[in-house]
Amino acid sequence: MDDLRGVGEWVAAGARGILVVDLRISHTVVAPYILEIVEKTLKK
């Protein structure tokens, strides 16, 4: 829940602007860009 502290501060300050959240929702579905990052990391 500590990860949400910044969101709470943003909301308390009036929640102005846009909030973009990138998080894992499923342990079995992986976004293609994540696979690309993992593949490039493993090649090093």
C-alpha atoms as a PDB file:
ATOM      1  CA  MET A   1       0.000   0.000   0.000  1.00  0.00           C
ATOM      2  CA  ASP A   2       2.997   2.296   0.342  1.00  0.00           C
ATOM      3  CA  ASP A   3       3.019   2.529  -3.454  1.00  0.00           C
ATOM      4  CA  LEU A   4      -0.324   4.346  -3.258  1.00  0.00           C
ATOM      5  CA  ARG A   5       0.961   7.084  -0.941  1.00  0.00           C
ATOM      6  CA  GLY A   6       1.803   9.291  -3.934  1.00  0.00           C
ATOM      7  CA  VAL A   7      -1.709   8.830  -5.313  1.00  0.00           C
ATOM      8  CA  GLY A   8      -3.191   9.863  -1.969  1.00  0.00           C
ATOM      9  CA  GLU A   9      -1.046  12.997  -1.932  1.00  0.00           C
ATOM     10  CA  TRP A  10      -2.070  13.781  -5.506  1.00  0.00           C
ATOM     11  CA  VAL A  11      -5.774  13.376  -4.643  1.00  0.00           C
ATOM     12  CA  ALA A  12      -5.406  15.465  -1.468  1.00  0.00           C
ATOM     13  CA  ALA A  13      -3.827  18.232  -3.562  1.00  0.00           C
ATOM     14  CA  GLY A  14      -6.862  18.310  -5.879  1.00  0.00           C
ATOM     15  CA  ALA A  15      -5.991  15.534  -8.357  1.00  0.00           C
ATOM     16  CA  ARG A  16      -5.181  17.977 -11.142  1.00  0.00           C
ATOM     17  CA  GLY A  17      -3.842  16.598 -14.402  1.00  0.00           C
ATOM     18  CA  ILE A  18      -3.684  13.032 -15.621  1.00  0.00           C
ATOM     19  CA  LEU A  19      -2.700   9.950 -13.664  1.00  0.00           C
ATOM     20  CA  VAL A  20      -1.174   7.117 -15.699  1.00  0.00           C
ATOM     21  CA  VAL A  21      -0.828   3.776 -13.953  1.00  0.00           C
ATOM     22  CA  ASP A  22       1.130   0.842 -15.344  1.00  0.00           C
ATOM     23  CA  LEU A  23       0.661  -2.260 -13.245  1.00  0.00           C
ATOM     24  CA  ARG A  24       0.301  -5.993 -13.482  1.00  0.00           C
ATOM     25  CA  ILE A  25      -3.276  -7.184 -13.290  1.00  0.00           C
ATOM     26  CA  SER A  26      -2.699 -10.804 -14.237  1.00  0.00           C
ATOM     27  CA  HIS A  27       0.160 -13.199 -13.496  1.00  0.00           C
ATOM     28  CA  THR A  28      -0.488 -15.042 -16.760  1.00  0.00           C
ATOM     29  CA  VAL A  29      -1.063 -12.217 -19.260  1.00  0.00           C
ATOM     30  CA  VAL A  30       2.083 -10.241 -20.087  1.00  0.00           C
ATOM     31  CA  ALA A  31       2.175  -7.155 -22.291  1.00  0.00           C
ATOM     32  CA  PRO A  32       4.344  -7.516 -25.416  1.00  0.00           C
ATOM     33  CA  TYR A  33       6.570  -4.598 -24.390  1.00  0.00           C
ATOM     34  CA  ILE A  34       7.352  -6.353 -21.097  1.00  0.00           C
ATOM     35  CA  LEU A  35       8.419  -9.489 -22.972  1.00  0.00           C
ATOM     36  CA  GLU A  36      10.676  -7.338 -25.145  1.00  0.00           C
ATOM     37  CA  ILE A  37      12.301  -5.780 -22.073  1.00  0.00           C
ATOM     38  CA  VAL A  38      12.833  -9.186 -20.466  1.00  0.00           C
ATOM     39  CA  GLU A  39      14.341 -10.644 -23.650  1.00  0.00           C
ATOM     40  CA  LYS A  40      16.759  -7.717 -24.025  1.00  0.00           C
ATOM     41  CA  THR A  41      17.730  -7.935 -20.355  1.00  0.00           C
ATOM     42  CA  LEU A  42      18.445 -11.666 -20.560  1.00  0.00           C
ATOM     43  CA  LYS A  43      20.699 -11.200 -23.611  1.00  0.00           C
ATOM     44  CA  LYS A  44      23.124  -9.003 -21.623  1.00  0.00           C
END
